[in-house]
N, C-alpha and C. Protein backbone atom coordinates (compact mmCIF):
# COMPACT_ATOMS: atom_id res chain seq x y z
N MET A 1 -42.23 -26.66 -18.46
CA MET A 1 -41.86 -27.79 -17.64
C MET A 1 -42.74 -27.79 -16.41
N LYS A 2 -43.33 -28.93 -16.13
CA LYS A 2 -44.20 -29.06 -14.98
C LYS A 2 -43.37 -29.55 -13.79
N LEU A 3 -43.47 -28.81 -12.69
CA LEU A 3 -42.69 -29.17 -11.51
C LEU A 3 -43.51 -30.07 -10.60
N LYS A 4 -42.89 -31.12 -10.10
CA LYS A 4 -43.57 -32.02 -9.17
C LYS A 4 -43.33 -31.53 -7.76
N ARG A 5 -44.34 -31.65 -6.96
CA ARG A 5 -44.24 -31.23 -5.56
C ARG A 5 -43.97 -32.45 -4.69
N PHE A 6 -43.11 -32.27 -3.69
CA PHE A 6 -42.83 -33.34 -2.75
C PHE A 6 -42.84 -32.72 -1.36
N GLY A 7 -43.78 -33.08 -0.56
CA GLY A 7 -43.89 -32.56 0.80
C GLY A 7 -44.05 -31.05 0.82
N GLY A 8 -44.72 -30.47 -0.16
CA GLY A 8 -44.94 -29.04 -0.17
C GLY A 8 -43.76 -28.25 -0.72
N ARG A 9 -42.71 -28.91 -1.15
CA ARG A 9 -41.52 -28.22 -1.67
C ARG A 9 -41.38 -28.53 -3.15
N VAL A 10 -40.82 -27.59 -3.83
CA VAL A 10 -40.66 -27.77 -5.26
C VAL A 10 -39.27 -28.35 -5.52
N ILE A 11 -39.23 -29.57 -6.04
CA ILE A 11 -37.97 -30.26 -6.29
C ILE A 11 -37.21 -29.57 -7.40
N GLY A 12 -37.89 -29.11 -8.42
CA GLY A 12 -37.24 -28.43 -9.55
C GLY A 12 -36.49 -27.19 -9.10
N MET A 13 -37.07 -26.41 -8.19
CA MET A 13 -36.42 -25.20 -7.70
C MET A 13 -35.16 -25.54 -6.89
N ALA A 14 -35.20 -26.62 -6.15
CA ALA A 14 -34.03 -27.04 -5.38
C ALA A 14 -32.89 -27.42 -6.32
N ALA A 15 -33.24 -28.09 -7.43
CA ALA A 15 -32.21 -28.47 -8.39
C ALA A 15 -31.56 -27.24 -9.01
N VAL A 16 -32.36 -26.21 -9.29
CA VAL A 16 -31.83 -24.96 -9.85
C VAL A 16 -30.90 -24.29 -8.84
N ALA A 17 -31.28 -24.26 -7.57
CA ALA A 17 -30.46 -23.64 -6.53
C ALA A 17 -29.13 -24.38 -6.38
N VAL A 18 -29.17 -25.72 -6.41
CA VAL A 18 -27.94 -26.51 -6.30
C VAL A 18 -27.03 -26.23 -7.49
N ALA A 19 -27.59 -26.14 -8.68
CA ALA A 19 -26.79 -25.85 -9.88
C ALA A 19 -26.15 -24.47 -9.78
N ALA A 20 -26.88 -23.48 -9.25
CA ALA A 20 -26.34 -22.12 -9.12
C ALA A 20 -25.18 -22.10 -8.13
N VAL A 21 -25.32 -22.79 -7.01
CA VAL A 21 -24.25 -22.84 -6.01
C VAL A 21 -23.03 -23.55 -6.60
N ALA A 22 -23.25 -24.62 -7.33
CA ALA A 22 -22.14 -25.36 -7.93
C ALA A 22 -21.39 -24.48 -8.93
N SER A 23 -22.11 -23.66 -9.70
CA SER A 23 -21.42 -22.79 -10.66
C SER A 23 -20.63 -21.70 -9.95
N LEU A 24 -21.12 -21.23 -8.82
CA LEU A 24 -20.36 -20.23 -8.06
C LEU A 24 -19.08 -20.82 -7.49
N LEU A 25 -19.15 -22.06 -7.01
CA LEU A 25 -17.98 -22.71 -6.45
C LEU A 25 -16.94 -22.99 -7.53
N ALA A 26 -17.38 -23.24 -8.74
CA ALA A 26 -16.46 -23.55 -9.83
C ALA A 26 -15.84 -22.29 -10.42
N ALA A 27 -16.47 -21.13 -10.23
CA ALA A 27 -15.96 -19.87 -10.80
C ALA A 27 -14.69 -19.46 -10.08
N PRO A 28 -13.75 -18.84 -10.80
CA PRO A 28 -12.53 -18.38 -10.13
C PRO A 28 -12.83 -17.28 -9.13
N ALA A 29 -12.10 -17.27 -8.06
CA ALA A 29 -12.29 -16.25 -7.02
C ALA A 29 -11.81 -14.91 -7.55
N PRO A 30 -12.48 -13.82 -7.18
CA PRO A 30 -12.00 -12.51 -7.61
C PRO A 30 -10.65 -12.21 -6.97
N ALA A 31 -9.85 -11.40 -7.66
CA ALA A 31 -8.54 -11.04 -7.13
C ALA A 31 -8.72 -10.22 -5.86
N MET A 32 -7.89 -10.50 -4.87
CA MET A 32 -7.98 -9.75 -3.63
C MET A 32 -7.31 -8.40 -3.79
N ALA A 33 -7.89 -7.39 -3.17
CA ALA A 33 -7.31 -6.05 -3.20
C ALA A 33 -6.07 -6.02 -2.32
N ASP A 34 -5.31 -4.94 -2.45
CA ASP A 34 -4.16 -4.74 -1.58
C ASP A 34 -4.60 -4.80 -0.12
N ALA A 35 -3.79 -5.43 0.72
CA ALA A 35 -4.02 -5.37 2.16
C ALA A 35 -3.61 -3.97 2.60
N TYR A 36 -4.44 -3.32 3.40
CA TYR A 36 -4.21 -1.90 3.69
C TYR A 36 -4.66 -1.55 5.11
N SER A 37 -3.83 -0.82 5.82
CA SER A 37 -4.19 -0.28 7.14
C SER A 37 -3.90 1.21 7.11
N PRO A 38 -4.91 2.07 7.29
CA PRO A 38 -4.69 3.51 7.20
C PRO A 38 -3.55 3.98 8.10
N CYS A 39 -2.67 4.78 7.54
CA CYS A 39 -1.56 5.41 8.26
C CYS A 39 -0.59 4.39 8.87
N ILE A 40 -0.60 3.15 8.34
CA ILE A 40 0.32 2.15 8.86
C ILE A 40 1.03 1.42 7.73
N ALA A 41 0.26 0.72 6.89
CA ALA A 41 0.91 -0.14 5.89
C ALA A 41 -0.01 -0.46 4.73
N VAL A 42 0.62 -0.79 3.61
CA VAL A 42 -0.07 -1.35 2.45
C VAL A 42 0.81 -2.47 1.91
N GLU A 43 0.19 -3.60 1.57
CA GLU A 43 0.92 -4.73 1.01
C GLU A 43 0.29 -5.09 -0.32
N SER A 44 1.13 -5.26 -1.34
CA SER A 44 0.65 -5.57 -2.68
C SER A 44 1.41 -6.75 -3.26
N ASN A 45 0.72 -7.52 -4.08
CA ASN A 45 1.37 -8.61 -4.80
C ASN A 45 2.01 -8.07 -6.07
N VAL A 46 3.18 -8.59 -6.41
CA VAL A 46 3.84 -8.29 -7.68
C VAL A 46 4.29 -9.61 -8.30
N THR A 47 4.43 -9.60 -9.62
CA THR A 47 4.78 -10.82 -10.33
C THR A 47 6.13 -10.67 -11.01
N VAL A 48 6.76 -11.79 -11.28
CA VAL A 48 8.06 -11.81 -11.94
C VAL A 48 7.97 -11.04 -13.26
N GLY A 49 8.92 -10.14 -13.47
CA GLY A 49 8.97 -9.32 -14.68
C GLY A 49 8.30 -7.97 -14.55
N GLN A 50 7.53 -7.76 -13.50
CA GLN A 50 6.84 -6.47 -13.31
C GLN A 50 7.88 -5.37 -13.10
N THR A 51 7.62 -4.17 -13.67
CA THR A 51 8.61 -3.10 -13.62
C THR A 51 8.19 -1.87 -12.82
N SER A 52 6.93 -1.79 -12.40
CA SER A 52 6.54 -0.67 -11.56
C SER A 52 5.32 -1.04 -10.73
N LYS A 53 5.15 -0.32 -9.64
CA LYS A 53 3.99 -0.51 -8.76
C LYS A 53 3.79 0.78 -7.98
N THR A 54 2.56 1.28 -7.96
CA THR A 54 2.22 2.45 -7.15
C THR A 54 1.35 2.00 -5.99
N GLN A 55 1.70 2.46 -4.80
CA GLN A 55 0.95 2.14 -3.58
C GLN A 55 0.62 3.45 -2.87
N SER A 56 -0.48 3.45 -2.14
CA SER A 56 -0.94 4.67 -1.48
C SER A 56 -1.36 4.39 -0.05
N ILE A 57 -0.96 5.28 0.85
CA ILE A 57 -1.38 5.23 2.25
C ILE A 57 -1.97 6.59 2.62
N THR A 58 -3.15 6.59 3.23
CA THR A 58 -3.80 7.82 3.67
C THR A 58 -3.71 7.91 5.18
N CYS A 59 -3.32 9.08 5.66
CA CYS A 59 -3.23 9.31 7.11
C CYS A 59 -4.17 10.43 7.51
N VAL A 60 -4.87 10.23 8.58
CA VAL A 60 -5.64 11.31 9.20
C VAL A 60 -5.06 11.51 10.59
N LYS A 61 -4.64 12.74 10.86
CA LYS A 61 -4.03 13.07 12.14
C LYS A 61 -5.00 13.89 12.97
N LYS A 62 -5.13 13.55 14.23
CA LYS A 62 -5.93 14.35 15.16
C LYS A 62 -5.05 14.67 16.36
N PRO A 63 -4.36 15.79 16.31
CA PRO A 63 -3.43 16.14 17.39
C PRO A 63 -4.16 16.60 18.65
N ALA A 64 -3.37 16.82 19.69
CA ALA A 64 -3.92 17.19 20.99
C ALA A 64 -4.73 18.49 20.94
N CYS A 65 -4.39 19.39 20.02
CA CYS A 65 -5.11 20.67 19.97
C CYS A 65 -6.49 20.51 19.34
N GLY A 66 -6.81 19.33 18.80
CA GLY A 66 -8.17 19.05 18.39
C GLY A 66 -8.49 19.19 16.92
N GLU A 67 -7.71 19.89 16.14
CA GLU A 67 -8.02 20.05 14.72
C GLU A 67 -7.39 18.91 13.94
N SER A 68 -8.18 18.22 13.15
CA SER A 68 -7.62 17.09 12.40
C SER A 68 -7.31 17.50 10.97
N TRP A 69 -6.37 16.78 10.37
CA TRP A 69 -6.04 16.98 8.97
C TRP A 69 -5.52 15.68 8.41
N GLY A 70 -5.32 15.63 7.11
CA GLY A 70 -4.91 14.37 6.50
C GLY A 70 -3.92 14.54 5.38
N GLN A 71 -3.26 13.45 5.07
CA GLN A 71 -2.29 13.43 3.98
C GLN A 71 -2.43 12.11 3.23
N ILE A 72 -2.01 12.13 1.95
CA ILE A 72 -1.94 10.93 1.14
C ILE A 72 -0.49 10.76 0.72
N TYR A 73 0.06 9.60 0.97
CA TYR A 73 1.45 9.29 0.63
C TYR A 73 1.45 8.22 -0.47
N ASP A 74 1.75 8.63 -1.69
CA ASP A 74 1.85 7.69 -2.81
C ASP A 74 3.32 7.38 -3.07
N VAL A 75 3.60 6.10 -3.25
CA VAL A 75 4.97 5.66 -3.56
C VAL A 75 4.91 4.83 -4.83
N THR A 76 5.75 5.17 -5.81
CA THR A 76 5.85 4.39 -7.04
C THR A 76 7.23 3.77 -7.11
N TRP A 77 7.25 2.45 -7.19
CA TRP A 77 8.49 1.69 -7.32
C TRP A 77 8.86 1.59 -8.79
N ASN A 78 10.10 1.86 -9.15
CA ASN A 78 10.66 1.58 -10.47
C ASN A 78 11.63 0.43 -10.24
N MET A 79 11.34 -0.75 -10.80
CA MET A 79 12.03 -1.96 -10.34
C MET A 79 11.98 -3.04 -11.41
N VAL A 80 12.62 -4.14 -11.12
CA VAL A 80 12.45 -5.38 -11.86
C VAL A 80 12.23 -6.48 -10.83
N VAL A 81 11.16 -7.25 -11.00
CA VAL A 81 10.81 -8.29 -10.04
C VAL A 81 11.33 -9.64 -10.55
N TYR A 82 12.02 -10.35 -9.68
CA TYR A 82 12.51 -11.70 -9.95
C TYR A 82 11.83 -12.65 -8.96
N LYS A 83 12.00 -13.95 -9.18
CA LYS A 83 11.39 -14.93 -8.29
C LYS A 83 11.90 -14.78 -6.85
N GLY A 84 13.18 -14.47 -6.71
CA GLY A 84 13.75 -14.42 -5.36
C GLY A 84 13.89 -13.05 -4.75
N GLY A 85 13.57 -11.99 -5.53
CA GLY A 85 13.72 -10.65 -4.98
C GLY A 85 13.41 -9.58 -6.02
N ILE A 86 13.81 -8.36 -5.69
CA ILE A 86 13.49 -7.20 -6.53
C ILE A 86 14.73 -6.33 -6.68
N THR A 87 15.03 -5.91 -7.92
CA THR A 87 16.03 -4.87 -8.14
C THR A 87 15.30 -3.54 -8.19
N VAL A 88 15.57 -2.68 -7.22
CA VAL A 88 14.92 -1.37 -7.17
C VAL A 88 15.83 -0.37 -7.86
N LYS A 89 15.26 0.37 -8.81
CA LYS A 89 16.02 1.35 -9.60
C LYS A 89 15.82 2.76 -9.06
N SER A 90 14.60 3.11 -8.71
CA SER A 90 14.31 4.43 -8.13
C SER A 90 12.96 4.36 -7.43
N MET A 91 12.67 5.40 -6.69
CA MET A 91 11.43 5.46 -5.94
C MET A 91 10.88 6.89 -6.05
N LYS A 92 9.61 7.02 -6.45
CA LYS A 92 8.98 8.34 -6.52
C LYS A 92 7.99 8.46 -5.38
N ILE A 93 8.09 9.54 -4.64
CA ILE A 93 7.19 9.79 -3.51
C ILE A 93 6.37 11.04 -3.83
N THR A 94 5.05 10.92 -3.70
CA THR A 94 4.15 12.06 -3.88
C THR A 94 3.36 12.22 -2.58
N VAL A 95 3.37 13.43 -2.03
CA VAL A 95 2.62 13.74 -0.81
C VAL A 95 1.57 14.77 -1.16
N THR A 96 0.32 14.46 -0.84
CA THR A 96 -0.77 15.41 -1.07
C THR A 96 -1.37 15.79 0.27
N HIS A 97 -1.51 17.08 0.51
CA HIS A 97 -2.13 17.55 1.75
C HIS A 97 -2.79 18.90 1.46
N THR A 98 -3.88 19.16 2.14
CA THR A 98 -4.66 20.37 1.84
C THR A 98 -5.00 21.19 3.07
N ARG A 99 -4.54 20.83 4.22
CA ARG A 99 -4.97 21.50 5.44
C ARG A 99 -3.89 22.39 6.06
N GLY A 100 -2.85 22.72 5.32
CA GLY A 100 -1.88 23.68 5.81
C GLY A 100 -0.89 23.16 6.82
N GLU A 101 -0.62 21.88 6.82
CA GLU A 101 0.35 21.35 7.77
C GLU A 101 1.73 21.27 7.13
N ASP A 102 2.75 21.34 7.96
CA ASP A 102 4.12 21.06 7.53
C ASP A 102 4.34 19.56 7.72
N ILE A 103 4.98 18.94 6.74
CA ILE A 103 5.23 17.49 6.82
C ILE A 103 6.73 17.25 6.71
N VAL A 104 7.23 16.36 7.53
CA VAL A 104 8.63 15.96 7.48
C VAL A 104 8.68 14.49 7.10
N LEU A 105 9.38 14.20 6.01
CA LEU A 105 9.67 12.82 5.64
C LEU A 105 11.05 12.51 6.18
N GLY A 106 11.13 11.57 7.09
CA GLY A 106 12.41 11.23 7.70
C GLY A 106 13.12 10.14 6.91
N ASP A 107 13.62 9.13 7.60
CA ASP A 107 14.33 8.03 6.93
C ASP A 107 13.43 7.36 5.90
N LYS A 108 14.04 6.95 4.80
CA LYS A 108 13.34 6.25 3.72
C LYS A 108 14.17 5.01 3.41
N ILE A 109 13.74 3.88 3.93
CA ILE A 109 14.57 2.68 3.94
C ILE A 109 13.92 1.56 3.14
N ILE A 110 14.65 0.98 2.18
CA ILE A 110 14.21 -0.22 1.48
C ILE A 110 14.89 -1.40 2.17
N ARG A 111 14.10 -2.42 2.49
CA ARG A 111 14.63 -3.55 3.27
C ARG A 111 14.17 -4.87 2.66
N GLY A 112 15.10 -5.75 2.44
CA GLY A 112 14.79 -7.10 1.98
C GLY A 112 15.34 -8.11 2.97
N GLY A 113 15.37 -9.36 2.55
CA GLY A 113 15.85 -10.41 3.43
C GLY A 113 17.36 -10.40 3.61
N SER A 114 18.08 -9.67 2.74
CA SER A 114 19.54 -9.73 2.78
C SER A 114 20.19 -8.38 3.07
N GLY A 115 19.42 -7.39 3.42
CA GLY A 115 20.02 -6.09 3.71
C GLY A 115 19.03 -4.96 3.50
N GLU A 116 19.54 -3.74 3.68
CA GLU A 116 18.70 -2.56 3.54
C GLU A 116 19.54 -1.39 3.03
N ILE A 117 18.84 -0.35 2.55
CA ILE A 117 19.50 0.87 2.11
C ILE A 117 18.59 2.04 2.46
N ASN A 118 19.18 3.10 3.00
CA ASN A 118 18.44 4.34 3.25
C ASN A 118 18.60 5.18 1.99
N ILE A 119 17.52 5.33 1.21
CA ILE A 119 17.64 5.98 -0.09
C ILE A 119 17.76 7.50 0.00
N ALA A 120 17.45 8.07 1.15
CA ALA A 120 17.55 9.53 1.30
C ALA A 120 17.77 9.87 2.76
N PRO A 121 19.00 9.66 3.24
CA PRO A 121 19.27 9.96 4.65
C PRO A 121 18.94 11.43 4.95
N GLY A 122 18.53 11.67 6.16
CA GLY A 122 18.15 13.02 6.55
C GLY A 122 16.68 13.27 6.28
N LYS A 123 16.28 14.54 6.48
CA LYS A 123 14.87 14.89 6.38
C LYS A 123 14.55 15.55 5.05
N THR A 124 13.35 15.28 4.57
CA THR A 124 12.80 15.97 3.41
C THR A 124 11.60 16.76 3.91
N ILE A 125 11.61 18.07 3.73
CA ILE A 125 10.54 18.93 4.25
C ILE A 125 9.51 19.18 3.15
N VAL A 126 8.24 18.98 3.48
CA VAL A 126 7.13 19.33 2.59
C VAL A 126 6.42 20.50 3.25
N PRO A 127 6.60 21.73 2.74
CA PRO A 127 6.04 22.90 3.43
C PRO A 127 4.52 22.98 3.32
N ALA A 128 3.94 23.70 4.26
CA ALA A 128 2.48 23.84 4.33
C ALA A 128 1.90 24.43 3.05
N ALA A 129 2.62 25.37 2.44
CA ALA A 129 2.10 26.04 1.25
C ALA A 129 2.13 25.16 0.00
N GLN A 130 2.84 24.04 0.06
CA GLN A 130 2.97 23.17 -1.10
C GLN A 130 1.97 22.02 -0.96
N THR A 131 0.85 22.13 -1.68
CA THR A 131 -0.22 21.15 -1.47
C THR A 131 0.02 19.83 -2.17
N SER A 132 0.96 19.79 -3.10
CA SER A 132 1.35 18.52 -3.68
C SER A 132 2.86 18.54 -3.88
N PHE A 133 3.52 17.53 -3.38
CA PHE A 133 4.98 17.46 -3.41
C PHE A 133 5.36 16.14 -4.06
N THR A 134 6.22 16.18 -5.05
CA THR A 134 6.70 14.96 -5.69
C THR A 134 8.21 15.00 -5.79
N LYS A 135 8.84 13.91 -5.42
CA LYS A 135 10.29 13.80 -5.56
C LYS A 135 10.63 12.38 -5.95
N THR A 136 11.53 12.26 -6.94
CA THR A 136 12.03 10.95 -7.32
C THR A 136 13.42 10.77 -6.74
N PHE A 137 13.61 9.67 -6.04
CA PHE A 137 14.89 9.36 -5.44
C PHE A 137 15.58 8.33 -6.34
N ASP A 138 16.58 8.81 -7.09
CA ASP A 138 17.36 7.93 -7.98
C ASP A 138 18.61 7.46 -7.24
N PHE A 139 18.94 6.22 -7.40
CA PHE A 139 20.14 5.67 -6.77
C PHE A 139 20.60 4.51 -7.62
N THR A 140 21.77 4.02 -7.36
CA THR A 140 22.30 2.87 -8.10
C THR A 140 21.40 1.66 -7.89
N ASP A 141 21.07 0.98 -8.98
CA ASP A 141 20.21 -0.22 -8.88
C ASP A 141 20.68 -1.11 -7.74
N LYS A 142 19.74 -1.56 -6.94
CA LYS A 142 20.09 -2.39 -5.78
C LYS A 142 19.14 -3.57 -5.71
N TYR A 143 19.71 -4.77 -5.60
CA TYR A 143 18.91 -5.98 -5.50
C TYR A 143 18.61 -6.29 -4.04
N PHE A 144 17.34 -6.62 -3.75
CA PHE A 144 16.91 -7.01 -2.42
C PHE A 144 16.24 -8.38 -2.51
N ALA A 145 16.83 -9.36 -1.83
CA ALA A 145 16.19 -10.67 -1.74
C ALA A 145 14.93 -10.52 -0.90
N LYS A 146 13.88 -11.27 -1.23
CA LYS A 146 12.66 -11.20 -0.43
C LYS A 146 12.92 -11.78 0.96
N ASN A 147 12.17 -11.28 1.95
CA ASN A 147 12.35 -11.79 3.30
C ASN A 147 11.62 -13.12 3.46
N SER A 148 11.62 -13.68 4.65
CA SER A 148 11.06 -15.01 4.87
C SER A 148 9.55 -15.06 4.63
N LEU A 149 8.88 -13.91 4.65
CA LEU A 149 7.45 -13.86 4.37
C LEU A 149 7.16 -13.55 2.90
N GLY A 150 8.23 -13.38 2.10
CA GLY A 150 8.06 -13.12 0.67
C GLY A 150 8.02 -11.66 0.28
N PHE A 151 8.33 -10.74 1.21
CA PHE A 151 8.21 -9.31 0.96
C PHE A 151 9.56 -8.62 0.76
N VAL A 152 9.54 -7.54 -0.01
CA VAL A 152 10.55 -6.49 0.03
C VAL A 152 9.79 -5.26 0.48
N ASP A 153 10.29 -4.55 1.50
CA ASP A 153 9.56 -3.45 2.12
C ASP A 153 10.25 -2.11 1.91
N PHE A 154 9.44 -1.07 1.86
CA PHE A 154 9.92 0.31 1.91
C PHE A 154 9.30 0.94 3.14
N TRP A 155 10.14 1.45 4.02
CA TRP A 155 9.69 2.08 5.27
C TRP A 155 9.98 3.58 5.18
N MET A 156 9.01 4.41 5.58
CA MET A 156 9.22 5.86 5.57
C MET A 156 8.70 6.46 6.87
N ALA A 157 9.57 7.21 7.54
CA ALA A 157 9.17 7.91 8.76
C ALA A 157 8.50 9.22 8.37
N ILE A 158 7.36 9.51 9.01
CA ILE A 158 6.65 10.77 8.73
C ILE A 158 6.29 11.46 10.03
N SER A 159 6.19 12.78 9.98
CA SER A 159 5.62 13.56 11.07
C SER A 159 5.00 14.81 10.47
N SER A 160 4.07 15.41 11.20
CA SER A 160 3.40 16.60 10.69
C SER A 160 3.03 17.54 11.81
N THR A 161 3.09 18.83 11.52
CA THR A 161 2.69 19.87 12.46
C THR A 161 2.02 21.00 11.70
N LYS A 162 1.11 21.68 12.35
CA LYS A 162 0.51 22.88 11.77
C LYS A 162 1.44 24.06 12.02
N ALA A 163 1.27 25.11 11.22
CA ALA A 163 2.11 26.30 11.38
C ALA A 163 1.98 26.91 12.77
N ASN A 164 0.84 26.69 13.44
CA ASN A 164 0.65 27.26 14.78
C ASN A 164 1.28 26.40 15.87
N GLY A 165 2.03 25.38 15.48
CA GLY A 165 2.73 24.56 16.47
C GLY A 165 1.95 23.34 16.92
N CYS A 166 0.76 23.13 16.39
CA CYS A 166 -0.03 21.97 16.78
C CYS A 166 0.61 20.71 16.19
N ASN A 167 0.96 19.76 17.04
CA ASN A 167 1.72 18.58 16.63
C ASN A 167 0.79 17.43 16.29
N GLY A 168 0.92 16.90 15.06
CA GLY A 168 0.12 15.75 14.64
C GLY A 168 0.80 14.43 14.93
N GLY A 169 2.03 14.49 15.41
CA GLY A 169 2.74 13.27 15.74
C GLY A 169 3.41 12.63 14.54
N GLY A 170 4.13 11.58 14.80
CA GLY A 170 4.87 10.90 13.75
C GLY A 170 4.76 9.40 13.87
N ASN A 171 5.05 8.71 12.79
CA ASN A 171 5.07 7.26 12.79
C ASN A 171 5.75 6.77 11.52
N TRP A 172 5.83 5.45 11.39
CA TRP A 172 6.42 4.82 10.22
C TRP A 172 5.32 4.29 9.32
N LEU A 173 5.51 4.45 8.01
CA LEU A 173 4.65 3.83 7.01
C LEU A 173 5.42 2.68 6.38
N ARG A 174 4.72 1.58 6.08
CA ARG A 174 5.35 0.41 5.45
C ARG A 174 4.65 0.09 4.14
N TYR A 175 5.43 0.07 3.07
CA TYR A 175 4.95 -0.31 1.74
C TYR A 175 5.59 -1.65 1.41
N GLY A 176 4.79 -2.73 1.39
CA GLY A 176 5.33 -4.06 1.17
C GLY A 176 4.94 -4.61 -0.18
N LEU A 177 5.94 -5.17 -0.89
CA LEU A 177 5.67 -5.87 -2.13
C LEU A 177 5.94 -7.35 -1.92
N LYS A 178 4.94 -8.18 -2.20
CA LYS A 178 5.08 -9.63 -2.04
C LYS A 178 5.17 -10.26 -3.42
N ILE A 179 6.22 -11.03 -3.63
CA ILE A 179 6.45 -11.66 -4.93
C ILE A 179 5.63 -12.95 -4.99
N VAL A 180 4.73 -13.02 -5.97
CA VAL A 180 3.87 -14.21 -6.11
C VAL A 180 4.09 -14.87 -7.45
């Protein structure tokens, strides 16, 4: 194919570029990844009929004594998703840490638009010597209506200290499921 020149520009090449841009605009957008903030929150989409979802939050702590360490908090929901909310059947929590810190899991609260439940009142201790800790919290199936933003949330209080007394501090982690 012979290309005609107009004002020093190749018209044929411009047509190819326009066609390429048009095909990109017509292509479906890639799925967005989970919204995630280290050591704060993760938000994931779930669909009606879905029965499980695993979410992960990574924390890096740098306490006043200067030595930093990190943990990974994985939460797996065992549930049934409906258009208006989620029936939660159980929750599995896995904590991974390798730097010899003691970890305390405090309140573990599931919250929807119509109420909340503390699935494990009191503290759960993850000792320094245990580099991977997994516990499943089974409870009576509980339905949570989604909140006004479309989420059902799981909140977990965490804190960590080294055996030498170095305090890494504490905060809340939020695991949000948005029904789409």
